[in-house]
């Protein structure tokens, strides 16, 4: 099953036009031009489980804030967080339908963190 078969719209969030590793726009150094582990999705018992990397999380308060924001997205049924303080934490979002990466990014940013 491919990335687009799962309905995901942004397989390479690191290469967007709002930042990138070179700042201020799309990455000019080639960073992120191949599919990365930024988001991976699987279908389990009819539900779509998508895992995202999130940076900036350090404690259970961070987990709660991200969980609340992501849970508020329409079709989300569960949010699971593997907290890795001062590293890239892994957030698995289970939903009935595919999620727009932009919506996930906005929810994570509203909580005060960054989608990797």
C-alpha atoms as a PDB file:
ATOM      1  CA  UNK A   1       0.000   0.000   0.000  1.00  0.00           C
ATOM      2  CA  UNK A   2       1.425   3.364  -0.990  1.00  0.00           C
ATOM      3  CA  UNK A   3       1.359   6.678   0.835  1.00  0.00           C
ATOM      4  CA  UNK A   4      -1.310   8.122  -1.425  1.00  0.00           C
ATOM      5  CA  UNK A   5      -3.408   4.915  -1.253  1.00  0.00           C
ATOM      6  CA  UNK A   6      -3.857   5.745   2.422  1.00  0.00           C
ATOM      7  CA  UNK A   7      -5.131   9.216   1.541  1.00  0.00           C
ATOM      8  CA  UNK A   8      -2.171  11.085   3.009  1.00  0.00           C
ATOM      9  CA  UNK A   9      -1.453  14.345   1.251  1.00  0.00           C
ATOM     10  CA  UNK A  10       2.045  15.269   2.399  1.00  0.00           C
ATOM     11  CA  UNK A  11       4.638  12.510   2.460  1.00  0.00           C
ATOM     12  CA  UNK A  12       7.444  14.973   3.011  1.00  0.00           C
ATOM     13  CA  UNK A  13       6.508  17.568   5.613  1.00  0.00           C
ATOM     14  CA  UNK A  14      10.153  18.601   5.981  1.00  0.00           C
ATOM     15  CA  UNK A  15      10.088  20.096   2.486  1.00  0.00           C
ATOM     16  CA  UNK A  16       7.205  22.550   2.756  1.00  0.00           C
ATOM     17  CA  UNK A  17       7.171  26.227   1.866  1.00  0.00           C
ATOM     18  CA  UNK A  18       6.860  27.591   5.397  1.00  0.00           C
ATOM     19  CA  UNK A  19      10.314  26.807   6.689  1.00  0.00           C
ATOM     20  CA  UNK A  20      12.559  23.952   5.695  1.00  0.00           C
ATOM     21  CA  UNK A  21      16.069  23.470   6.985  1.00  0.00           C
ATOM     22  CA  UNK A  22      17.320  26.470   5.007  1.00  0.00           C
ATOM     23  CA  UNK A  23      14.650  28.742   6.531  1.00  0.00           C
ATOM     24  CA  UNK A  24      11.954  30.807   4.908  1.00  0.00           C
ATOM     25  CA  UNK A  25      10.908  28.426   2.171  1.00  0.00           C
ATOM     26  CA  UNK A  26      11.391  25.140   0.418  1.00  0.00           C
ATOM     27  CA  UNK A  27      14.655  23.440   1.174  1.00  0.00           C
ATOM     28  CA  UNK A  28      17.372  24.273  -1.334  1.00  0.00           C
ATOM     29  CA  UNK A  29      19.962  21.759  -0.095  1.00  0.00           C
ATOM     30  CA  UNK A  30      18.010  18.635  -1.025  1.00  0.00           C
ATOM     31  CA  UNK A  31      17.082  17.770   2.553  1.00  0.00           C
ATOM     32  CA  UNK A  32      13.933  15.707   2.581  1.00  0.00           C
ATOM     33  CA  UNK A  33      13.659  15.102  -1.162  1.00  0.00           C
ATOM     34  CA  UNK A  34      13.134  11.401  -0.549  1.00  0.00           C
ATOM     35  CA  UNK A  35      10.249   9.953   1.400  1.00  0.00           C
ATOM     36  CA  UNK A  36      11.145  10.195   5.054  1.00  0.00           C
ATOM     37  CA  UNK A  37       9.819   8.660   8.242  1.00  0.00           C
ATOM     38  CA  UNK A  38       7.947  11.893   9.033  1.00  0.00           C
ATOM     39  CA  UNK A  39       4.629  10.088   8.697  1.00  0.00           C
ATOM     40  CA  UNK A  40       3.884   6.420   8.302  1.00  0.00           C
ATOM     41  CA  UNK A  41       0.436   4.906   8.101  1.00  0.00           C
ATOM     42  CA  UNK A  42      -1.069   1.466   8.565  1.00  0.00           C
ATOM     43  CA  UNK A  43      -4.617   0.159   8.514  1.00  0.00           C
ATOM     44  CA  UNK A  44      -5.579  -1.864  11.589  1.00  0.00           C
ATOM     45  CA  UNK A  45      -9.086  -3.265  12.046  1.00  0.00           C
ATOM     46  CA  UNK A  46     -10.490  -0.768   9.562  1.00  0.00           C
ATOM     47  CA  UNK A  47      -8.950   2.272  11.279  1.00  0.00           C
ATOM     48  CA  UNK A  48      -6.043   4.285   9.913  1.00  0.00           C
ATOM     49  CA  UNK A  49      -3.102   4.629  12.321  1.00  0.00           C
ATOM     50  CA  UNK A  50      -0.636   7.315  11.248  1.00  0.00           C
ATOM     51  CA  UNK A  51       2.599   7.990  13.127  1.00  0.00           C
ATOM     52  CA  UNK A  52       4.205  11.428  13.089  1.00  0.00           C
ATOM     53  CA  UNK A  53       7.417  12.766  14.572  1.00  0.00           C
ATOM     54  CA  UNK A  54       7.033  15.767  16.884  1.00  0.00           C
ATOM     55  CA  UNK A  55       9.857  17.842  18.327  1.00  0.00           C
ATOM     56  CA  UNK A  56       9.982  20.028  21.409  1.00  0.00           C
ATOM     57  CA  UNK A  57       8.111  17.737  23.814  1.00  0.00           C
ATOM     58  CA  UNK A  58       9.766  17.181  27.199  1.00  0.00           C
ATOM     59  CA  UNK A  59       7.137  16.067  29.741  1.00  0.00           C
ATOM     60  CA  UNK A  60       3.651  14.715  30.395  1.00  0.00           C
ATOM     61  CA  UNK A  61       2.213  18.231  30.121  1.00  0.00           C
ATOM     62  CA  UNK A  62       3.479  18.270  26.527  1.00  0.00           C
ATOM     63  CA  UNK A  63       1.846  14.889  25.913  1.00  0.00           C
ATOM     64  CA  UNK A  64      -1.470  16.145  27.286  1.00  0.00           C
ATOM     65  CA  UNK A  65      -1.395  19.335  25.201  1.00  0.00           C
ATOM     66  CA  UNK A  66      -0.658  17.505  21.929  1.00  0.00           C
ATOM     67  CA  UNK A  67      -3.165  14.745  22.705  1.00  0.00           C
ATOM     68  CA  UNK A  68      -5.946  17.264  23.374  1.00  0.00           C
ATOM     69  CA  UNK A  69      -5.298  19.222  20.165  1.00  0.00           C
ATOM     70  CA  UNK A  70      -5.098  16.123  17.963  1.00  0.00           C
ATOM     71  CA  UNK A  71      -8.136  14.520  19.618  1.00  0.00           C
ATOM     72  CA  UNK A  72     -10.186  17.548  18.605  1.00  0.00           C
ATOM     73  CA  UNK A  73      -9.699  16.733  14.907  1.00  0.00           C
ATOM     74  CA  UNK A  74     -12.951  15.354  13.487  1.00  0.00           C
ATOM     75  CA  UNK A  75     -12.285  11.684  12.801  1.00  0.00           C
ATOM     76  CA  UNK A  76      -9.576  10.992  15.412  1.00  0.00           C
ATOM     77  CA  UNK A  77     -10.443   8.070  17.668  1.00  0.00           C
ATOM     78  CA  UNK A  78      -7.174   7.704  19.599  1.00  0.00           C
ATOM     79  CA  UNK A  79      -3.847   9.439  20.150  1.00  0.00           C
ATOM     80  CA  UNK A  80      -0.835   7.559  21.490  1.00  0.00           C
ATOM     81  CA  UNK A  81       2.431   9.307  22.375  1.00  0.00           C
ATOM     82  CA  UNK A  82       5.890   7.798  22.762  1.00  0.00           C
ATOM     83  CA  UNK A  83       7.573  10.653  24.640  1.00  0.00           C
ATOM     84  CA  UNK A  84      11.274  11.098  24.002  1.00  0.00           C
ATOM     85  CA  UNK A  85      12.285  14.229  25.936  1.00  0.00           C
ATOM     86  CA  UNK A  86      14.476  16.582  23.906  1.00  0.00           C
ATOM     87  CA  UNK A  87      14.294  14.218  20.915  1.00  0.00           C
ATOM     88  CA  UNK A  88      11.706  13.440  18.248  1.00  0.00           C
ATOM     89  CA  UNK A  89       8.681  11.953  20.012  1.00  0.00           C
ATOM     90  CA  UNK A  90       6.451   9.564  18.063  1.00  0.00           C
ATOM     91  CA  UNK A  91       2.738  10.365  17.956  1.00  0.00           C
ATOM     92  CA  UNK A  92       0.346   7.744  16.570  1.00  0.00           C
ATOM     93  CA  UNK A  93      -3.037   9.126  15.568  1.00  0.00           C
ATOM     94  CA  UNK A  94      -5.824   6.639  14.869  1.00  0.00           C
ATOM     95  CA  UNK A  95      -8.703   7.916  12.776  1.00  0.00           C
ATOM     96  CA  UNK A  96     -11.703   6.677  10.852  1.00  0.00           C
ATOM     97  CA  UNK A  97     -10.601   8.582   7.748  1.00  0.00           C
ATOM     98  CA  UNK A  98      -7.264   9.899   6.427  1.00  0.00           C
ATOM     99  CA  UNK A  99      -6.062  13.119   8.060  1.00  0.00           C
ATOM    100  CA  UNK A 100      -4.721  16.106   6.180  1.00  0.00           C
ATOM    101  CA  UNK A 101      -1.102  16.641   7.194  1.00  0.00           C
ATOM    102  CA  UNK A 102      -1.798  20.385   7.316  1.00  0.00           C
ATOM    103  CA  UNK A 103      -4.500  19.787   9.948  1.00  0.00           C
ATOM    104  CA  UNK A 104      -2.166  17.633  12.022  1.00  0.00           C
ATOM    105  CA  UNK A 105       0.611  20.222  11.708  1.00  0.00           C
ATOM    106  CA  UNK A 106      -1.751  23.025  12.809  1.00  0.00           C
ATOM    107  CA  UNK A 107      -2.963  21.022  15.821  1.00  0.00           C
ATOM    108  CA  UNK A 108       0.601  20.216  16.908  1.00  0.00           C
ATOM    109  CA  UNK A 109       1.623  23.860  16.475  1.00  0.00           C
ATOM    110  CA  UNK A 110      -1.454  25.035  18.425  1.00  0.00           C
ATOM    111  CA  UNK A 111      -0.179  22.858  21.271  1.00  0.00           C
ATOM    112  CA  UNK A 112       3.208  24.618  21.009  1.00  0.00           C
ATOM    113  CA  UNK A 113       5.311  21.969  19.248  1.00  0.00           C
ATOM    114  CA  UNK A 114       6.651  21.174  15.785  1.00  0.00           C
ATOM    115  CA  UNK A 115       5.739  18.393  13.387  1.00  0.00           C
ATOM    116  CA  UNK A 116       9.066  16.880  12.280  1.00  0.00           C
END
